[in-house]
Amino acid sequence: MKKVIGLSVVMAFVLMGLLLCNLSYAQEKPVLTAQEQALFDQKAIEVQKLAKNARIIAFVKQKNASGETLDEVKEKDKIWIATKGLDEFMKKILANDCSALLKDFQKKEPVFTEVFVMDKNGALVGATNKTSDYWQGDEDKFIKTYGVGGAGATFIGKIKFDESSGSYASQINVPVVDPDTGNVIGAITGGLDISRLKKLTGVVK
């Protein structure tokens, strides 16, 4: 009888271990297959193409020439972060021509949960939806694109769990370059949903 009880206890621990292993596996960030990585790279190229769009470049130039100072940007950022929902300033940005162009891009590329453009200060020029901040200048998406100087650089963020969307995502960050000077004048970020990417490759149904 003791042997039977002992065996039951052992089996219980084995089953518990299996459940914990499954839970641990489910919480780990997804690893991209070769097919998924190839598609991811294609989507990164689409963001690079968007950054070269003449209208995007014009929108960034216009914002850069607006005279908005970095101190003003930071003050607006404080209000932006503290505001629940949308105030008139936010609505104006989300309804401008730059945002309309980004939303059209998102419709064609629904793998992106958000797309937004930044000026020379790292402040928003346009966006598909409300971002957590108005000022992105202290984040890698800006520092490692615009911040490197010259023609800037493309920076791919790590795959991380996005609390707002409830899924894993990676940000593709690309410099916006003035074709007349060859210098970076802003940046653009596309938040790519990894689950949507996997569905496109047929891995997740």
Foldseek 3Di string as FASTA:
>chain_A
DVVVVVVVVVVVVVVVVVVVVVVVVVPDADDDDPVLVVVVVVVLVVQQVVLAPPVVLVLQVVVVPPPQDLVNQVVVFVVLLPDDDDDPVRVPQCPDPNVVVQVVVCVVVVQFPKKFKAFLQQATSHMVDRDNTRHCNVDCLWCQAQVVKQLGDWDKADFDQDPVVRATWIKTKHFRADPVRSITGIIMITIGGSVVSCVVVVNHD
